[in-house]
Amino acid sequence: MKSCSSVMLTTLAVVGLAGCNDDNPRPIAARSPAAIPDRPTSPPIKTVSWFIDHRGDLETILKECRDNPGLLAKTPDCTNANEARNRVTVQEMKDALK
């Protein structure tokens, strides 16, 4: 019984400490901004209505999002730009039917 308890205690200790190594550190984006010195702050996220009001910037962002979807597709600016494009398209279709 005593050896079974010590085996369980050792197993729990090994499992508990298994994640404590630093062989695979978190990516820089996951670290806190305070831990990264001299890192520029990111620009504010643009809203859907901002993109609707700034069509030239909308087209620029959409092109960037299409050129690198693996990195940018799920970013807030790409998501908002795609939604703005959808709303503009629907409005243009409604206007054409009048």
N, C-alpha and C. Protein backbone atom coordinates (compact mmCIF):
# COMPACT_ATOMS: atom_id res chain seq x y z
N MET A 1 0.83 -1.19 0.00
CA MET A 1 0.00 0.00 0.00
C MET A 1 0.86 1.24 0.00
N LYS A 2 1.97 1.19 0.77
CA LYS A 2 2.86 2.34 0.87
C LYS A 2 3.55 2.61 -0.47
N SER A 3 3.96 1.55 -1.19
CA SER A 3 4.64 1.75 -2.47
C SER A 3 3.65 2.25 -3.53
N CYS A 4 2.40 1.82 -3.45
CA CYS A 4 1.37 2.29 -4.38
C CYS A 4 1.13 3.79 -4.19
N SER A 5 1.11 4.23 -2.94
CA SER A 5 0.93 5.66 -2.65
C SER A 5 2.10 6.47 -3.14
N SER A 6 3.31 5.97 -2.96
CA SER A 6 4.47 6.73 -3.42
C SER A 6 4.55 6.76 -4.94
N VAL A 7 4.11 5.69 -5.62
CA VAL A 7 4.08 5.68 -7.08
C VAL A 7 3.06 6.71 -7.57
N MET A 8 1.89 6.76 -6.95
CA MET A 8 0.87 7.74 -7.33
C MET A 8 1.36 9.15 -7.07
N LEU A 9 2.01 9.38 -5.95
CA LEU A 9 2.52 10.71 -5.62
C LEU A 9 3.60 11.14 -6.61
N THR A 10 4.48 10.22 -6.97
CA THR A 10 5.52 10.52 -7.95
C THR A 10 4.91 10.82 -9.31
N THR A 11 3.92 10.03 -9.71
CA THR A 11 3.25 10.25 -10.99
C THR A 11 2.57 11.61 -11.02
N LEU A 12 1.89 11.97 -9.95
CA LEU A 12 1.24 13.28 -9.89
C LEU A 12 2.26 14.41 -9.97
N ALA A 13 3.39 14.24 -9.31
CA ALA A 13 4.43 15.27 -9.34
C ALA A 13 5.00 15.43 -10.75
N VAL A 14 5.24 14.32 -11.43
CA VAL A 14 5.79 14.37 -12.79
C VAL A 14 4.77 15.01 -13.74
N VAL A 15 3.51 14.63 -13.64
CA VAL A 15 2.48 15.19 -14.50
C VAL A 15 2.30 16.67 -14.21
N GLY A 16 2.33 17.04 -12.95
CA GLY A 16 2.16 18.44 -12.57
C GLY A 16 3.28 19.34 -13.06
N LEU A 17 4.49 18.80 -13.12
CA LEU A 17 5.64 19.60 -13.54
C LEU A 17 5.95 19.48 -15.04
N ALA A 18 5.21 18.66 -15.74
CA ALA A 18 5.50 18.41 -17.16
C ALA A 18 5.40 19.67 -18.00
N GLY A 19 4.54 20.59 -17.66
CA GLY A 19 4.38 21.80 -18.45
C GLY A 19 5.29 22.93 -18.03
N CYS A 20 6.23 22.69 -17.15
CA CYS A 20 7.07 23.76 -16.62
C CYS A 20 8.33 24.04 -17.43
N ASN A 21 8.61 23.27 -18.47
CA ASN A 21 9.82 23.55 -19.24
C ASN A 21 9.58 24.70 -20.20
N ASP A 22 10.64 25.24 -20.76
CA ASP A 22 10.53 26.37 -21.66
C ASP A 22 11.09 26.02 -23.03
N ASP A 23 11.01 24.72 -23.38
CA ASP A 23 11.52 24.29 -24.69
C ASP A 23 10.67 24.84 -25.82
N ASN A 24 9.41 25.08 -25.56
CA ASN A 24 8.48 25.55 -26.58
C ASN A 24 7.76 26.79 -26.05
N PRO A 25 8.45 27.95 -26.04
CA PRO A 25 7.82 29.14 -25.46
C PRO A 25 6.63 29.61 -26.29
N ARG A 26 5.76 30.39 -25.63
CA ARG A 26 4.60 30.94 -26.32
C ARG A 26 5.06 31.88 -27.42
N PRO A 27 4.29 31.98 -28.50
CA PRO A 27 4.65 32.93 -29.56
C PRO A 27 4.60 34.35 -29.01
N ILE A 28 5.32 35.24 -29.65
CA ILE A 28 5.42 36.62 -29.18
C ILE A 28 4.05 37.26 -29.08
N ALA A 29 3.16 36.97 -30.00
CA ALA A 29 1.84 37.59 -29.97
C ALA A 29 1.06 37.20 -28.72
N ALA A 30 1.36 36.03 -28.13
CA ALA A 30 0.63 35.58 -26.95
C ALA A 30 1.21 36.15 -25.66
N ARG A 31 2.40 36.71 -25.71
CA ARG A 31 3.00 37.28 -24.52
C ARG A 31 2.40 38.65 -24.24
N SER A 32 2.49 39.06 -23.02
CA SER A 32 1.93 40.36 -22.66
C SER A 32 2.75 41.47 -23.29
N PRO A 33 2.10 42.57 -23.71
CA PRO A 33 2.83 43.67 -24.34
C PRO A 33 3.89 44.28 -23.44
N ALA A 34 3.69 44.24 -22.12
CA ALA A 34 4.67 44.81 -21.21
C ALA A 34 5.98 44.03 -21.23
N ALA A 35 5.92 42.75 -21.63
CA ALA A 35 7.11 41.92 -21.66
C ALA A 35 7.96 42.17 -22.90
N ILE A 36 7.44 42.92 -23.86
CA ILE A 36 8.15 43.16 -25.11
C ILE A 36 8.53 44.63 -25.17
N PRO A 37 9.80 44.94 -24.94
CA PRO A 37 10.20 46.35 -24.94
C PRO A 37 10.20 46.96 -26.33
N ASP A 38 9.91 48.25 -26.41
CA ASP A 38 9.97 49.02 -27.66
C ASP A 38 9.06 48.46 -28.76
N ARG A 39 7.99 47.84 -28.39
CA ARG A 39 7.06 47.31 -29.38
C ARG A 39 6.04 48.40 -29.70
N PRO A 40 5.89 48.74 -30.97
CA PRO A 40 4.91 49.78 -31.31
C PRO A 40 3.49 49.30 -31.02
N THR A 41 2.65 50.21 -30.64
CA THR A 41 1.25 49.85 -30.39
C THR A 41 0.54 49.67 -31.73
N SER A 42 -0.40 48.76 -31.75
CA SER A 42 -1.13 48.51 -32.99
C SER A 42 -2.17 49.59 -33.20
N PRO A 43 -2.48 49.89 -34.45
CA PRO A 43 -3.50 50.90 -34.73
C PRO A 43 -4.86 50.41 -34.27
N PRO A 44 -5.79 51.31 -34.00
CA PRO A 44 -7.11 50.87 -33.55
C PRO A 44 -7.83 50.09 -34.65
N ILE A 45 -8.68 49.20 -34.22
CA ILE A 45 -9.45 48.38 -35.17
C ILE A 45 -10.52 49.25 -35.80
N LYS A 46 -10.63 49.16 -37.11
CA LYS A 46 -11.62 49.96 -37.85
C LYS A 46 -12.96 49.24 -37.85
N THR A 47 -14.03 49.99 -37.72
CA THR A 47 -15.36 49.42 -37.67
C THR A 47 -15.93 49.23 -39.08
N VAL A 48 -17.03 48.51 -39.15
CA VAL A 48 -17.71 48.29 -40.43
C VAL A 48 -18.14 49.63 -41.02
N SER A 49 -18.72 50.49 -40.18
CA SER A 49 -19.18 51.80 -40.70
C SER A 49 -18.00 52.66 -41.17
N TRP A 50 -16.84 52.53 -40.52
CA TRP A 50 -15.66 53.28 -40.96
C TRP A 50 -15.28 52.83 -42.37
N PHE A 51 -15.26 51.52 -42.59
CA PHE A 51 -14.91 51.01 -43.92
C PHE A 51 -15.93 51.45 -44.97
N ILE A 52 -17.21 51.50 -44.62
CA ILE A 52 -18.23 51.94 -45.57
C ILE A 52 -18.00 53.40 -45.96
N ASP A 53 -17.55 54.20 -45.00
CA ASP A 53 -17.29 55.62 -45.27
C ASP A 53 -15.96 55.86 -45.97
N HIS A 54 -15.06 54.89 -45.98
CA HIS A 54 -13.72 55.03 -46.58
C HIS A 54 -13.51 53.90 -47.58
N ARG A 55 -14.17 54.00 -48.72
CA ARG A 55 -14.17 52.91 -49.71
C ARG A 55 -12.78 52.60 -50.27
N GLY A 56 -11.94 53.60 -50.42
CA GLY A 56 -10.59 53.35 -50.93
C GLY A 56 -9.79 52.49 -49.97
N ASP A 57 -9.89 52.81 -48.68
CA ASP A 57 -9.20 52.00 -47.67
C ASP A 57 -9.81 50.61 -47.58
N LEU A 58 -11.13 50.53 -47.79
CA LEU A 58 -11.81 49.23 -47.78
C LEU A 58 -11.20 48.32 -48.85
N GLU A 59 -11.04 48.83 -50.05
CA GLU A 59 -10.48 48.03 -51.14
C GLU A 59 -9.03 47.62 -50.84
N THR A 60 -8.26 48.53 -50.24
CA THR A 60 -6.87 48.23 -49.90
C THR A 60 -6.79 47.10 -48.88
N ILE A 61 -7.60 47.19 -47.82
CA ILE A 61 -7.59 46.16 -46.78
C ILE A 61 -8.08 44.83 -47.34
N LEU A 62 -9.13 44.86 -48.15
CA LEU A 62 -9.63 43.61 -48.73
C LEU A 62 -8.57 42.93 -49.59
N LYS A 63 -7.80 43.73 -50.34
CA LYS A 63 -6.72 43.16 -51.16
C LYS A 63 -5.67 42.51 -50.26
N GLU A 64 -5.28 43.19 -49.18
CA GLU A 64 -4.30 42.62 -48.25
C GLU A 64 -4.82 41.33 -47.63
N CYS A 65 -6.09 41.32 -47.26
CA CYS A 65 -6.69 40.13 -46.65
C CYS A 65 -6.71 38.95 -47.62
N ARG A 66 -7.01 39.23 -48.90
CA ARG A 66 -7.03 38.17 -49.92
C ARG A 66 -5.62 37.68 -50.24
N ASP A 67 -4.64 38.59 -50.19
CA ASP A 67 -3.27 38.21 -50.53
C ASP A 67 -2.63 37.32 -49.46
N ASN A 68 -3.08 37.42 -48.20
CA ASN A 68 -2.48 36.62 -47.13
C ASN A 68 -3.57 36.12 -46.17
N PRO A 69 -4.48 35.27 -46.67
CA PRO A 69 -5.59 34.83 -45.82
C PRO A 69 -5.15 33.96 -44.64
N GLY A 70 -4.06 33.25 -44.78
CA GLY A 70 -3.58 32.41 -43.69
C GLY A 70 -3.24 33.20 -42.45
N LEU A 71 -2.75 34.40 -42.64
CA LEU A 71 -2.36 35.24 -41.51
C LEU A 71 -3.45 36.25 -41.15
N LEU A 72 -4.14 36.78 -42.15
CA LEU A 72 -5.01 37.93 -41.89
C LEU A 72 -6.51 37.65 -41.91
N ALA A 73 -6.94 36.52 -42.43
CA ALA A 73 -8.37 36.30 -42.66
C ALA A 73 -9.22 36.47 -41.40
N LYS A 74 -8.73 36.06 -40.27
CA LYS A 74 -9.53 36.11 -39.04
C LYS A 74 -9.25 37.35 -38.20
N THR A 75 -8.49 38.31 -38.73
CA THR A 75 -8.22 39.52 -37.96
C THR A 75 -9.46 40.41 -37.95
N PRO A 76 -9.61 41.25 -36.92
CA PRO A 76 -10.79 42.11 -36.84
C PRO A 76 -10.95 43.03 -38.06
N ASP A 77 -9.86 43.61 -38.55
CA ASP A 77 -9.98 44.51 -39.70
C ASP A 77 -10.46 43.76 -40.95
N CYS A 78 -9.97 42.55 -41.18
CA CYS A 78 -10.42 41.79 -42.34
C CYS A 78 -11.87 41.36 -42.18
N THR A 79 -12.24 40.95 -40.99
CA THR A 79 -13.63 40.57 -40.74
C THR A 79 -14.56 41.76 -40.95
N ASN A 80 -14.19 42.92 -40.40
CA ASN A 80 -15.01 44.12 -40.55
C ASN A 80 -15.05 44.60 -42.00
N ALA A 81 -13.92 44.51 -42.69
CA ALA A 81 -13.88 44.93 -44.10
C ALA A 81 -14.77 44.02 -44.96
N ASN A 82 -14.74 42.72 -44.70
CA ASN A 82 -15.60 41.81 -45.46
C ASN A 82 -17.07 42.09 -45.19
N GLU A 83 -17.41 42.38 -43.94
CA GLU A 83 -18.80 42.71 -43.62
C GLU A 83 -19.21 44.02 -44.29
N ALA A 84 -18.31 45.00 -44.30
CA ALA A 84 -18.60 46.27 -44.96
C ALA A 84 -18.82 46.06 -46.45
N ARG A 85 -17.97 45.23 -47.07
CA ARG A 85 -18.13 44.93 -48.50
C ARG A 85 -19.49 44.28 -48.76
N ASN A 86 -19.90 43.36 -47.89
CA ASN A 86 -21.20 42.71 -48.05
C ASN A 86 -22.34 43.73 -47.96
N ARG A 87 -22.25 44.63 -46.99
CA ARG A 87 -23.31 45.63 -46.83
C ARG A 87 -23.36 46.61 -48.00
N VAL A 88 -22.18 47.00 -48.50
CA VAL A 88 -22.13 47.89 -49.66
C VAL A 88 -22.75 47.20 -50.87
N THR A 89 -22.42 45.95 -51.07
CA THR A 89 -22.96 45.20 -52.20
C THR A 89 -24.48 45.10 -52.12
N VAL A 90 -25.00 44.78 -50.94
CA VAL A 90 -26.46 44.70 -50.77
C VAL A 90 -27.11 46.05 -51.04
N GLN A 91 -26.52 47.13 -50.53
CA GLN A 91 -27.08 48.46 -50.75
C GLN A 91 -27.05 48.83 -52.22
N GLU A 92 -25.96 48.51 -52.91
CA GLU A 92 -25.86 48.80 -54.34
C GLU A 92 -26.91 48.02 -55.12
N MET A 93 -27.18 46.79 -54.71
CA MET A 93 -28.20 45.98 -55.39
C MET A 93 -29.59 46.59 -55.15
N LYS A 94 -29.86 47.02 -53.92
CA LYS A 94 -31.14 47.66 -53.63
C LYS A 94 -31.30 48.94 -54.43
N ASP A 95 -30.23 49.74 -54.51
CA ASP A 95 -30.29 50.99 -55.27
C ASP A 95 -30.52 50.73 -56.76
N ALA A 96 -29.94 49.65 -57.27
CA ALA A 96 -30.10 49.33 -58.69
C ALA A 96 -31.54 48.91 -59.02
N LEU A 97 -32.23 48.36 -58.06
CA LEU A 97 -33.59 47.89 -58.28
C LEU A 97 -34.63 48.99 -58.15
N LYS A 98 -34.26 50.15 -57.72
CA LYS A 98 -35.21 51.27 -57.55
C LYS A 98 -35.60 51.86 -58.87
